[in-house]
Amino acid sequence: MTTREGAFPMPIILWLLGVPATIVILLMLFGVVGF
């Protein structure tokens, strides 16, 4: 149970951290192209 509880939230945390990161990178790229 401890291994499952420790491993389950990790993909969610990585996804929550990864989605805003990709959005920021896309905004940075569009900002550079825009300017």
N, C-alpha and C. Protein backbone atom coordinates (compact mmCIF):
# COMPACT_ATOMS: atom_id res chain seq x y z
N MET A 1 0.83 -1.20 0.00
CA MET A 1 0.00 0.00 0.00
C MET A 1 0.87 1.26 0.00
N THR A 2 1.99 1.19 0.72
CA THR A 2 2.86 2.38 0.79
C THR A 2 3.48 2.66 -0.57
N THR A 3 3.86 1.61 -1.30
CA THR A 3 4.46 1.81 -2.61
C THR A 3 3.43 2.37 -3.59
N ARG A 4 2.19 1.89 -3.50
CA ARG A 4 1.15 2.37 -4.40
C ARG A 4 0.81 3.82 -4.08
N GLU A 5 0.73 4.15 -2.80
CA GLU A 5 0.40 5.53 -2.43
C GLU A 5 1.54 6.48 -2.80
N GLY A 6 2.78 5.96 -2.75
CA GLY A 6 3.94 6.80 -3.07
C GLY A 6 4.11 6.97 -4.57
N ALA A 7 3.68 5.98 -5.36
CA ALA A 7 3.91 6.03 -6.81
C ALA A 7 2.73 6.66 -7.54
N PHE A 8 1.54 6.64 -6.95
CA PHE A 8 0.36 7.12 -7.67
C PHE A 8 0.36 8.63 -7.88
N PRO A 9 0.67 9.44 -6.86
CA PRO A 9 0.59 10.90 -7.05
C PRO A 9 1.71 11.46 -7.94
N MET A 10 2.78 10.71 -8.13
CA MET A 10 3.92 11.23 -8.90
C MET A 10 3.54 11.61 -10.32
N PRO A 11 2.88 10.73 -11.12
CA PRO A 11 2.51 11.12 -12.49
C PRO A 11 1.58 12.33 -12.51
N ILE A 12 0.72 12.45 -11.50
CA ILE A 12 -0.19 13.59 -11.45
C ILE A 12 0.60 14.87 -11.21
N ILE A 13 1.58 14.80 -10.29
CA ILE A 13 2.40 15.98 -10.00
C ILE A 13 3.22 16.35 -11.24
N LEU A 14 3.80 15.35 -11.89
CA LEU A 14 4.60 15.62 -13.10
C LEU A 14 3.71 16.20 -14.19
N TRP A 15 2.45 15.71 -14.29
CA TRP A 15 1.54 16.23 -15.32
C TRP A 15 1.15 17.66 -15.00
N LEU A 16 0.84 17.93 -13.72
CA LEU A 16 0.46 19.29 -13.33
C LEU A 16 1.62 20.25 -13.54
N LEU A 17 2.85 19.78 -13.32
CA LEU A 17 4.01 20.65 -13.53
C LEU A 17 4.37 20.74 -15.01
N GLY A 18 4.09 19.69 -15.76
CA GLY A 18 4.48 19.66 -17.17
C GLY A 18 3.54 20.47 -18.06
N VAL A 19 2.24 20.45 -17.76
CA VAL A 19 1.27 21.17 -18.60
C VAL A 19 1.53 22.68 -18.58
N PRO A 20 1.65 23.33 -17.40
CA PRO A 20 1.95 24.77 -17.40
C PRO A 20 3.30 25.08 -18.03
N ALA A 21 4.26 24.17 -17.89
CA ALA A 21 5.58 24.40 -18.48
C ALA A 21 5.48 24.43 -20.00
N THR A 22 4.73 23.50 -20.59
CA THR A 22 4.58 23.49 -22.04
C THR A 22 3.81 24.73 -22.51
N ILE A 23 2.82 25.17 -21.74
CA ILE A 23 2.05 26.37 -22.10
C ILE A 23 2.96 27.59 -22.07
N VAL A 24 3.80 27.69 -21.04
CA VAL A 24 4.72 28.82 -20.94
C VAL A 24 5.72 28.81 -22.10
N ILE A 25 6.22 27.62 -22.44
CA ILE A 25 7.17 27.51 -23.56
C ILE A 25 6.49 27.92 -24.86
N LEU A 26 5.25 27.48 -25.08
CA LEU A 26 4.52 27.86 -26.30
C LEU A 26 4.28 29.36 -26.33
N LEU A 27 3.93 29.94 -25.18
CA LEU A 27 3.71 31.39 -25.12
C LEU A 27 5.01 32.13 -25.40
N MET A 28 6.13 31.62 -24.90
CA MET A 28 7.43 32.25 -25.14
C MET A 28 7.76 32.18 -26.64
N LEU A 29 7.51 31.02 -27.26
CA LEU A 29 7.80 30.87 -28.69
C LEU A 29 6.90 31.79 -29.51
N PHE A 30 5.62 31.83 -29.19
CA PHE A 30 4.70 32.71 -29.93
C PHE A 30 5.05 34.17 -29.68
N GLY A 31 5.53 34.49 -28.47
CA GLY A 31 5.92 35.86 -28.15
C GLY A 31 7.12 36.28 -28.98
N VAL A 32 8.09 35.36 -29.12
CA VAL A 32 9.29 35.67 -29.92
C VAL A 32 8.89 35.84 -31.39
N VAL A 33 8.00 34.95 -31.87
CA VAL A 33 7.56 35.05 -33.27
C VAL A 33 6.74 36.32 -33.46
N GLY A 34 5.92 36.67 -32.47
CA GLY A 34 5.07 37.85 -32.56
C GLY A 34 5.90 39.13 -32.63
N PHE A 35 6.94 39.21 -31.77
CA PHE A 35 7.79 40.39 -31.78
C PHE A 35 8.78 40.31 -32.94
